[in-house]
Amino acid sequence: MNTLSYRTLIDGDIPPWVMRFIKHTGKAINTYSMIREHDTVLLSASGGKDSLALALALSIRRTWLPIKYELKALMINWIEHPIPEAFREKLTTFFTDLGYDFSIVDEHQYPASFNGEFNCYLCSRNRRRVLFNYCEEHNIELVAMGHHLDDLVETSLMNLCFRADFSTMQPVQPFFDGKIHIIRPMIEIHEAVTRRLADAYDLPVVKPVCPYDQTNIRARLKPIIGDLCRLDKLSREHIYHAHQFTGRL
């Protein structure tokens, strides 16, 4: 299938299914009061399909809102697994076209403080450390992450089945007594939608290197969730609505 230029979306040629995606993302933003007038939003740009889809939604949505907010994006280039130079240029062009102030920082994926250990938890914590340090240096309070409904469901089942805890990722998650908030505007969006967007348009997707990509618990839960959804197509939504969420205070 021939892919379309993402610039057609910027120019306003937005098919109905993409418009539904953008509006559904906006619905979650409004429901949980994620973004307000004059906010600065830092997008955690992994280079994967989800963060690039969110970048599109936040940018295009901004063009028709009565409020203004500033968009920045930060990509962490792990020194052990560097981003190909060609993709640095493509990503810079993509985010610039969308009106983002885009930066790439070089960091070690396995810092000395890990003492030779490495797992999904440590990797996630290391990424948050870099993002939060950037926020502190640039006086930013909001970090947007490209987690979607499937991520929430997987996290719910991981915590329930392996930690005896019915908790999950939050649409709005405060840190440091509310000085920084992580927001997840795509929390009601199916992963299939971001996959379709990446297939239909020439998004500069670069898959981050993960040594546990196909073997971690999250990856092994995906087919189980698929089976649940064959029993009830709204299984993901039921798990989502079983949680109690609060918005940004």
Protein backbone atom coordinates (compact mmCIF):
# COMPACT_ATOMS: atom_id res chain seq x y z
CA MET A 1 0.00 0.00 0.00
CA ASN A 2 1.30 3.44 -0.90
CA THR A 3 1.68 5.70 2.11
CA LEU A 4 0.45 9.29 2.17
CA SER A 5 2.46 12.26 3.35
CA TYR A 6 1.71 13.29 6.93
CA ARG A 7 1.84 16.86 5.62
CA THR A 8 -1.58 16.32 4.04
CA LEU A 9 -2.97 16.06 7.59
CA ILE A 10 -1.25 19.29 8.59
CA ASP A 11 -2.78 20.96 5.51
CA GLY A 12 -6.26 19.90 6.65
CA ASP A 13 -6.91 16.86 4.44
CA ILE A 14 -8.01 14.69 7.37
CA PRO A 15 -10.07 11.56 6.65
CA PRO A 16 -12.93 10.73 9.07
CA TRP A 17 -11.09 7.92 10.87
CA VAL A 18 -8.11 10.19 11.63
CA MET A 19 -10.49 12.95 12.74
CA ARG A 20 -12.13 10.47 15.14
CA PHE A 21 -8.71 9.60 16.55
CA ILE A 22 -7.82 13.27 17.12
CA LYS A 23 -11.21 14.08 18.68
CA HIS A 24 -11.13 10.99 20.90
CA THR A 25 -7.69 12.03 22.11
CA GLY A 26 -9.09 15.50 22.78
CA LYS A 27 -11.98 13.96 24.73
CA ALA A 28 -9.58 12.39 27.22
CA ILE A 29 -7.63 15.65 27.49
CA ASN A 30 -10.86 17.48 28.38
CA THR A 31 -12.21 14.75 30.67
CA TYR A 32 -9.10 14.77 32.85
CA SER A 33 -8.21 18.45 32.39
CA MET A 34 -4.77 17.50 31.06
CA ILE A 35 -3.83 20.66 29.13
CA ARG A 36 -4.80 24.21 30.00
CA GLU A 37 -4.33 27.70 28.58
CA HIS A 38 -0.65 28.70 28.20
CA ASP A 39 0.67 25.28 29.31
CA THR A 40 3.94 23.97 27.94
CA VAL A 41 3.71 20.27 27.06
CA LEU A 42 6.84 18.16 26.71
CA LEU A 43 6.20 15.11 24.53
CA SER A 44 8.29 12.06 25.35
CA ALA A 45 9.24 11.12 21.79
CA SER A 46 10.46 7.54 21.57
CA GLY A 47 10.30 7.52 17.77
CA GLY A 48 7.77 4.70 17.85
CA LYS A 49 4.36 4.81 16.20
CA ASP A 50 2.53 5.77 19.39
CA SER A 51 4.52 8.87 20.30
CA LEU A 52 4.44 10.05 16.67
CA ALA A 53 0.66 9.56 16.51
CA LEU A 54 0.28 11.56 19.70
CA ALA A 55 2.52 14.28 18.26
CA LEU A 56 0.13 14.61 15.32
CA ALA A 57 -2.98 14.70 17.50
CA LEU A 58 -1.64 17.36 19.89
CA SER A 59 -0.43 19.56 17.04
CA ILE A 60 -3.44 19.34 14.71
CA ARG A 61 -5.92 19.64 17.58
CA ARG A 62 -4.23 22.86 18.69
CA THR A 63 -5.07 24.58 15.40
CA TRP A 64 -8.82 24.64 16.08
CA LEU A 65 -8.84 25.27 19.86
CA PRO A 66 -9.67 28.62 21.47
CA ILE A 67 -6.75 28.14 23.90
CA LYS A 68 -3.03 28.21 23.20
CA TYR A 69 -0.39 25.82 24.50
CA GLU A 70 3.26 25.31 23.63
CA LEU A 71 4.61 22.02 22.33
CA LYS A 72 8.11 20.67 22.92
CA ALA A 73 9.42 17.18 22.23
CA LEU A 74 12.41 15.39 23.69
CA MET A 75 13.90 12.22 22.26
CA ILE A 76 16.40 10.20 24.29
CA ASN A 77 19.14 8.71 22.14
CA TRP A 78 20.54 5.74 24.05
CA ILE A 79 24.28 5.75 23.46
CA GLU A 80 24.40 1.95 23.53
CA HIS A 81 21.75 1.77 20.75
CA PRO A 82 22.01 5.07 18.81
CA ILE A 83 19.37 6.40 16.44
CA PRO A 84 20.51 6.16 12.79
CA GLU A 85 21.61 9.57 11.54
CA ALA A 86 19.04 9.53 8.73
CA PHE A 87 16.24 9.24 11.28
CA ARG A 88 17.59 12.12 13.33
CA GLU A 89 17.02 14.32 10.29
CA LYS A 90 13.60 12.82 9.50
CA LEU A 91 12.40 13.22 13.09
CA THR A 92 13.67 16.78 13.29
CA THR A 93 11.79 17.64 10.08
CA PHE A 94 8.62 15.88 11.30
CA PHE A 95 8.46 17.67 14.63
CA THR A 96 9.43 21.01 13.12
CA ASP A 97 6.62 20.65 10.56
CA LEU A 98 4.21 20.06 13.45
CA GLY A 99 5.36 23.15 15.33
CA TYR A 100 7.36 21.46 18.07
CA ASP A 101 10.57 22.66 19.65
CA PHE A 102 12.41 19.35 19.21
CA SER A 103 15.56 18.16 21.00
CA ILE A 104 17.56 14.93 21.11
CA VAL A 105 19.70 14.14 24.15
CA ASP A 106 22.36 11.42 24.33
CA GLU A 107 22.16 9.27 27.46
CA HIS A 108 23.42 5.91 28.66
CA GLN A 109 20.75 3.21 28.72
CA TYR A 110 22.77 1.27 31.31
CA PRO A 111 24.17 3.88 33.74
CA ALA A 112 26.77 2.87 36.32
CA SER A 113 24.18 3.25 39.09
CA PHE A 114 22.42 0.11 37.79
CA ASN A 115 25.41 -1.97 38.99
CA GLY A 116 25.15 -4.23 35.94
CA GLU A 117 21.41 -4.87 36.36
CA PHE A 118 18.86 -4.06 33.66
CA ASN A 119 15.13 -4.69 33.33
CA CYS A 120 11.96 -2.94 32.15
CA TYR A 121 11.45 -1.17 35.47
CA LEU A 122 14.99 0.25 35.55
CA CYS A 123 14.75 1.33 31.90
CA SER A 124 11.46 3.15 32.54
CA ARG A 125 12.87 4.81 35.66
CA ASN A 126 15.95 5.92 33.75
CA ARG A 127 13.79 7.47 31.00
CA ARG A 128 11.70 9.34 33.58
CA ARG A 129 14.88 10.61 35.23
CA VAL A 130 16.05 12.18 31.96
CA LEU A 131 12.62 13.67 31.24
CA PHE A 132 12.20 15.09 34.74
CA ASN A 133 15.68 16.61 34.72
CA TYR A 134 14.84 18.31 31.41
CA CYS A 135 11.56 19.59 32.91
CA GLU A 136 13.38 21.02 35.90
CA GLU A 137 15.97 22.76 33.70
CA HIS A 138 13.30 24.27 31.41
CA ASN A 139 10.54 24.95 33.98
CA ILE A 140 8.08 22.49 32.40
CA GLU A 141 5.22 20.92 34.37
CA LEU A 142 3.61 18.56 31.83
CA VAL A 143 5.08 15.44 30.19
CA ALA A 144 2.88 13.75 27.56
CA MET A 145 3.44 10.06 26.93
CA GLY A 146 2.09 7.95 24.09
CA HIS A 147 0.54 5.20 26.20
CA HIS A 148 -2.79 3.94 24.86
CA LEU A 149 -5.69 1.77 26.04
CA ASP A 150 -3.86 -1.48 25.31
CA ASP A 151 -0.96 -0.33 27.50
CA LEU A 152 -3.38 0.40 30.34
CA VAL A 153 -5.02 -3.02 30.03
CA GLU A 154 -1.67 -4.81 29.97
CA THR A 155 -0.50 -2.91 33.04
CA SER A 156 -3.77 -3.70 34.84
CA LEU A 157 -3.40 -7.43 34.22
CA MET A 158 0.30 -7.44 35.12
CA ASN A 159 -0.42 -5.79 38.46
CA LEU A 160 -3.47 -7.95 39.18
CA CYS A 161 -2.03 -11.32 38.17
CA PHE A 162 1.56 -10.93 39.34
CA ARG A 163 1.44 -8.35 42.16
CA ALA A 164 -2.05 -8.89 43.66
CA ASP A 165 -2.75 -5.19 43.08
CA PHE A 166 -5.60 -3.80 40.98
CA SER A 167 -3.85 -0.64 39.85
CA THR A 168 -2.68 0.71 36.53
CA MET A 169 -1.17 3.71 34.74
CA GLN A 170 -3.13 6.91 35.31
CA PRO A 171 -4.42 9.36 32.69
CA VAL A 172 -2.85 12.07 34.87
CA GLN A 173 -0.06 11.10 37.25
CA PRO A 174 1.52 13.70 39.59
CA PHE A 175 5.15 13.60 40.73
CA PHE A 176 7.05 15.66 43.31
CA ASP A 177 3.88 16.86 45.07
CA GLY A 178 2.34 17.93 41.78
CA LYS A 179 5.29 19.94 40.45
CA ILE A 180 5.33 17.68 37.37
CA HIS A 181 2.44 15.73 35.84
CA ILE A 182 2.65 12.89 33.35
CA ILE A 183 -0.37 12.97 31.04
CA ARG A 184 -1.55 10.22 28.71
CA PRO A 185 -3.93 11.76 26.16
CA MET A 186 -4.34 8.51 24.17
CA ILE A 187 -5.46 6.50 27.19
CA GLU A 188 -8.79 5.65 25.46
CA ILE A 189 -7.26 4.91 22.04
CA HIS A 190 -6.75 1.35 20.76
CA GLU A 191 -3.25 0.45 19.63
CA ALA A 192 -4.75 -0.65 16.32
CA VAL A 193 -5.49 3.00 15.54
CA THR A 194 -1.89 4.18 15.98
CA ARG A 195 -0.72 1.18 13.95
CA ARG A 196 -3.11 2.09 11.14
CA LEU A 197 -1.91 5.69 11.22
CA ALA A 198 1.72 4.60 10.90
CA ASP A 199 0.81 2.27 8.02
CA ALA A 200 -1.22 4.89 6.15
CA TYR A 201 1.16 7.85 6.50
CA ASP A 202 4.90 8.29 6.12
CA LEU A 203 5.62 8.81 9.81
CA PRO A 204 9.39 8.57 10.52
CA VAL A 205 8.97 5.56 12.81
CA VAL A 206 12.23 4.30 14.26
CA LYS A 207 11.83 1.36 16.58
CA PRO A 208 13.78 1.82 19.81
CA VAL A 209 16.06 -1.10 20.66
CA CYS A 210 14.71 -3.15 23.57
CA PRO A 211 16.47 -6.39 24.56
CA TYR A 212 13.22 -7.70 26.09
CA ASP A 213 10.84 -6.53 23.35
CA GLN A 214 9.39 -9.95 22.49
CA THR A 215 9.97 -11.80 25.77
CA ASN A 216 8.72 -9.50 28.55
CA ILE A 217 5.44 -10.07 30.39
CA ARG A 218 3.72 -7.24 28.55
CA ALA A 219 4.44 -8.81 25.15
CA ARG A 220 3.24 -12.21 26.38
CA LEU A 221 -0.04 -10.73 27.62
CA LYS A 222 -1.00 -9.30 24.22
CA PRO A 223 -2.38 -12.58 22.78
CA ILE A 224 -4.24 -13.25 26.03
CA ILE A 225 -5.94 -9.86 25.77
CA GLY A 226 -6.72 -10.66 22.14
CA ASP A 227 -8.49 -13.85 23.31
CA LEU A 228 -10.50 -11.88 25.89
CA CYS A 229 -11.61 -9.45 23.19
CA ARG A 230 -12.80 -12.32 21.03
CA LEU A 231 -15.10 -13.27 23.92
CA ASP A 232 -16.23 -9.65 24.38
CA LYS A 233 -15.00 -6.97 22.01
CA LEU A 234 -15.30 -4.36 24.77
CA SER A 235 -13.03 -6.18 27.23
CA ARG A 236 -10.42 -3.42 27.07
CA GLU A 237 -13.04 -0.76 27.77
CA HIS A 238 -14.48 -2.79 30.68
CA ILE A 239 -11.06 -2.99 32.34
CA TYR A 240 -10.55 0.75 31.76
CA HIS A 241 -13.91 1.64 33.33
CA ALA A 242 -13.29 -0.68 36.30
CA HIS A 243 -10.67 1.81 37.53
CA GLN A 244 -11.38 5.10 39.28
CA PHE A 245 -9.41 7.98 37.74
CA THR A 246 -9.07 11.61 38.70
CA GLY A 247 -8.00 14.52 36.52
CA ARG A 248 -5.37 17.18 36.98
CA LEU A 249 -6.10 19.27 40.05
